[in-house]
Amino acid sequence: NNLTFLLGAFFLIRVIWGGWLWLTARGNEQQVTKAQHMIFHAIVGMAIVIGARLIAELALLIIGQATLGDPGS
């Protein structure tokens, strides 16, 4: 949970930083492109983190049910 929190905070910082670069670009296409890439990469990275977390939670749930039995059935 702590690692997910830290990665979420890093994601938020990257998006804000990219937004600031875009806001202060003043028509400089190179800086706008850099800001867009920074925001895009932050979103893709966070999607990977969330996906990995979901896969790990699912695997632990399946392993737990296989070893302890499903109390609902």
N, C-alpha and C. Protein backbone atom coordinates (compact mmCIF):
# COMPACT_ATOMS: atom_id res chain seq x y z
N ASN A 1 0.81 -1.20 0.00
CA ASN A 1 0.00 0.00 0.00
C ASN A 1 0.86 1.26 0.00
N ASN A 2 1.95 1.24 0.75
CA ASN A 2 2.82 2.43 0.79
C ASN A 2 3.47 2.69 -0.55
N LEU A 3 3.88 1.61 -1.22
CA LEU A 3 4.50 1.78 -2.53
C LEU A 3 3.50 2.35 -3.54
N THR A 4 2.27 1.86 -3.49
CA THR A 4 1.23 2.37 -4.38
C THR A 4 0.98 3.85 -4.11
N PHE A 5 0.97 4.22 -2.84
CA PHE A 5 0.79 5.63 -2.48
C PHE A 5 1.92 6.49 -3.03
N LEU A 6 3.16 6.02 -2.87
CA LEU A 6 4.31 6.79 -3.36
C LEU A 6 4.29 6.91 -4.88
N LEU A 7 3.94 5.83 -5.56
CA LEU A 7 3.86 5.89 -7.02
C LEU A 7 2.73 6.81 -7.48
N GLY A 8 1.63 6.82 -6.74
CA GLY A 8 0.54 7.74 -7.05
C GLY A 8 0.96 9.19 -6.88
N ALA A 9 1.71 9.45 -5.82
CA ALA A 9 2.21 10.81 -5.59
C ALA A 9 3.19 11.21 -6.70
N PHE A 10 4.04 10.28 -7.11
CA PHE A 10 4.98 10.54 -8.21
C PHE A 10 4.21 10.83 -9.49
N PHE A 11 3.15 10.06 -9.75
CA PHE A 11 2.31 10.27 -10.93
C PHE A 11 1.71 11.67 -10.90
N LEU A 12 1.18 12.07 -9.76
CA LEU A 12 0.56 13.38 -9.65
C LEU A 12 1.58 14.49 -9.88
N ILE A 13 2.78 14.33 -9.33
CA ILE A 13 3.82 15.34 -9.53
C ILE A 13 4.20 15.44 -11.00
N ARG A 14 4.34 14.29 -11.67
CA ARG A 14 4.70 14.30 -13.10
C ARG A 14 3.62 14.98 -13.95
N VAL A 15 2.37 14.71 -13.63
CA VAL A 15 1.28 15.33 -14.40
C VAL A 15 1.25 16.84 -14.16
N ILE A 16 1.42 17.26 -12.92
CA ILE A 16 1.43 18.69 -12.63
C ILE A 16 2.63 19.36 -13.30
N TRP A 17 3.78 18.71 -13.24
CA TRP A 17 4.98 19.27 -13.88
C TRP A 17 4.78 19.38 -15.40
N GLY A 18 4.23 18.34 -16.01
CA GLY A 18 3.95 18.38 -17.44
C GLY A 18 2.94 19.47 -17.78
N GLY A 19 1.93 19.63 -16.95
CA GLY A 19 0.95 20.69 -17.17
C GLY A 19 1.58 22.07 -17.06
N TRP A 20 2.48 22.21 -16.10
CA TRP A 20 3.18 23.49 -15.94
C TRP A 20 4.06 23.79 -17.16
N LEU A 21 4.75 22.77 -17.67
CA LEU A 21 5.56 22.97 -18.87
C LEU A 21 4.70 23.38 -20.05
N TRP A 22 3.56 22.74 -20.18
CA TRP A 22 2.65 23.03 -21.28
C TRP A 22 2.10 24.45 -21.14
N LEU A 23 1.74 24.82 -19.92
CA LEU A 23 1.18 26.14 -19.65
C LEU A 23 2.18 27.25 -19.95
N THR A 24 3.45 27.00 -19.65
CA THR A 24 4.48 28.03 -19.82
C THR A 24 5.22 27.91 -21.14
N ALA A 25 4.74 27.08 -22.06
CA ALA A 25 5.45 26.88 -23.33
C ALA A 25 5.45 28.12 -24.20
N ARG A 26 4.42 28.93 -24.13
CA ARG A 26 4.30 30.16 -24.92
C ARG A 26 4.49 29.91 -26.41
N GLY A 27 3.89 28.86 -26.90
CA GLY A 27 3.93 28.57 -28.33
C GLY A 27 5.14 27.79 -28.79
N ASN A 28 6.05 27.46 -27.90
CA ASN A 28 7.22 26.67 -28.25
C ASN A 28 6.79 25.21 -28.44
N GLU A 29 6.72 24.78 -29.69
CA GLU A 29 6.21 23.46 -30.02
C GLU A 29 7.04 22.34 -29.39
N GLN A 30 8.33 22.55 -29.28
CA GLN A 30 9.20 21.53 -28.69
C GLN A 30 8.87 21.33 -27.21
N GLN A 31 8.60 22.39 -26.50
CA GLN A 31 8.26 22.28 -25.08
C GLN A 31 6.85 21.70 -24.91
N VAL A 32 5.92 22.05 -25.81
CA VAL A 32 4.58 21.48 -25.75
C VAL A 32 4.64 19.98 -25.96
N THR A 33 5.43 19.54 -26.94
CA THR A 33 5.58 18.11 -27.21
C THR A 33 6.20 17.40 -26.02
N LYS A 34 7.21 18.01 -25.41
CA LYS A 34 7.84 17.42 -24.23
C LYS A 34 6.83 17.28 -23.10
N ALA A 35 6.01 18.29 -22.88
CA ALA A 35 5.00 18.24 -21.83
C ALA A 35 3.96 17.17 -22.11
N GLN A 36 3.51 17.06 -23.36
CA GLN A 36 2.53 16.04 -23.73
C GLN A 36 3.10 14.64 -23.50
N HIS A 37 4.34 14.44 -23.87
CA HIS A 37 4.97 13.14 -23.66
C HIS A 37 5.11 12.83 -22.18
N MET A 38 5.44 13.83 -21.38
CA MET A 38 5.59 13.62 -19.94
C MET A 38 4.25 13.19 -19.33
N ILE A 39 3.19 13.87 -19.69
CA ILE A 39 1.86 13.53 -19.17
C ILE A 39 1.44 12.15 -19.64
N PHE A 40 1.65 11.86 -20.93
CA PHE A 40 1.27 10.56 -21.49
C PHE A 40 2.03 9.42 -20.79
N HIS A 41 3.33 9.60 -20.61
CA HIS A 41 4.13 8.56 -19.97
C HIS A 41 3.74 8.37 -18.50
N ALA A 42 3.36 9.44 -17.83
CA ALA A 42 2.91 9.32 -16.44
C ALA A 42 1.61 8.52 -16.38
N ILE A 43 0.70 8.77 -17.31
CA ILE A 43 -0.58 8.04 -17.33
C ILE A 43 -0.35 6.58 -17.64
N VAL A 44 0.50 6.28 -18.63
CA VAL A 44 0.79 4.88 -18.96
C VAL A 44 1.46 4.18 -17.78
N GLY A 45 2.39 4.84 -17.13
CA GLY A 45 3.06 4.25 -15.97
C GLY A 45 2.09 3.95 -14.85
N MET A 46 1.16 4.87 -14.59
CA MET A 46 0.18 4.63 -13.53
C MET A 46 -0.77 3.50 -13.91
N ALA A 47 -1.11 3.39 -15.18
CA ALA A 47 -1.96 2.28 -15.63
C ALA A 47 -1.24 0.94 -15.42
N ILE A 48 0.05 0.92 -15.68
CA ILE A 48 0.83 -0.31 -15.46
C ILE A 48 0.87 -0.65 -13.97
N VAL A 49 1.06 0.35 -13.13
CA VAL A 49 1.10 0.11 -11.68
C VAL A 49 -0.24 -0.42 -11.18
N ILE A 50 -1.32 0.20 -11.62
CA ILE A 50 -2.65 -0.25 -11.20
C ILE A 50 -2.93 -1.66 -11.72
N GLY A 51 -2.57 -1.93 -12.98
CA GLY A 51 -2.77 -3.26 -13.54
C GLY A 51 -1.97 -4.32 -12.80
N ALA A 52 -0.73 -4.02 -12.47
CA ALA A 52 0.09 -4.97 -11.72
C ALA A 52 -0.48 -5.22 -10.34
N ARG A 53 -0.97 -4.17 -9.71
CA ARG A 53 -1.57 -4.32 -8.38
C ARG A 53 -2.81 -5.21 -8.45
N LEU A 54 -3.65 -4.99 -9.48
CA LEU A 54 -4.85 -5.81 -9.63
C LEU A 54 -4.52 -7.27 -9.90
N ILE A 55 -3.52 -7.50 -10.74
CA ILE A 55 -3.12 -8.88 -11.03
C ILE A 55 -2.57 -9.56 -9.77
N ALA A 56 -1.78 -8.85 -9.00
CA ALA A 56 -1.23 -9.42 -7.75
C ALA A 56 -2.35 -9.73 -6.76
N GLU A 57 -3.30 -8.82 -6.61
CA GLU A 57 -4.42 -9.05 -5.69
C GLU A 57 -5.25 -10.24 -6.14
N LEU A 58 -5.49 -10.36 -7.45
CA LEU A 58 -6.25 -11.48 -7.98
C LEU A 58 -5.52 -12.80 -7.76
N ALA A 59 -4.23 -12.80 -7.99
CA ALA A 59 -3.44 -14.02 -7.78
C ALA A 59 -3.47 -14.44 -6.31
N LEU A 60 -3.33 -13.48 -5.41
CA LEU A 60 -3.39 -13.81 -3.98
C LEU A 60 -4.77 -14.33 -3.58
N LEU A 61 -5.80 -13.77 -4.17
CA LEU A 61 -7.16 -14.24 -3.88
C LEU A 61 -7.35 -15.67 -4.37
N ILE A 62 -6.90 -15.96 -5.57
CA ILE A 62 -7.04 -17.31 -6.13
C ILE A 62 -6.21 -18.31 -5.33
N ILE A 63 -4.99 -17.95 -4.98
CA ILE A 63 -4.15 -18.85 -4.19
C ILE A 63 -4.76 -19.08 -2.82
N GLY A 64 -5.31 -18.04 -2.22
CA GLY A 64 -5.94 -18.18 -0.91
C GLY A 64 -7.15 -19.09 -0.95
N GLN A 65 -7.95 -18.98 -2.01
CA GLN A 65 -9.11 -19.85 -2.14
C GLN A 65 -8.71 -21.29 -2.42
N ALA A 66 -7.63 -21.48 -3.16
CA ALA A 66 -7.19 -22.84 -3.50
C ALA A 66 -6.62 -23.54 -2.28
N THR A 67 -5.94 -22.80 -1.42
CA THR A 67 -5.30 -23.44 -0.27
C THR A 67 -6.22 -23.53 0.96
N LEU A 68 -7.06 -22.53 1.14
CA LEU A 68 -7.92 -22.52 2.32
C LEU A 68 -9.34 -23.00 2.03
N GLY A 69 -9.69 -23.10 0.79
CA GLY A 69 -11.05 -23.47 0.43
C GLY A 69 -11.94 -22.24 0.41
N ASP A 70 -12.97 -22.27 -0.38
CA ASP A 70 -13.88 -21.15 -0.49
C ASP A 70 -14.98 -21.30 0.54
N PRO A 71 -15.04 -20.41 1.54
CA PRO A 71 -16.06 -20.55 2.57
C PRO A 71 -17.46 -20.29 2.05
N GLY A 72 -17.58 -19.67 0.87
CA GLY A 72 -18.90 -19.37 0.33
C GLY A 72 -19.55 -20.54 -0.39
N SER A 73 -18.79 -21.58 -0.71
CA SER A 73 -19.38 -22.67 -1.49
C SER A 73 -19.62 -23.92 -0.66
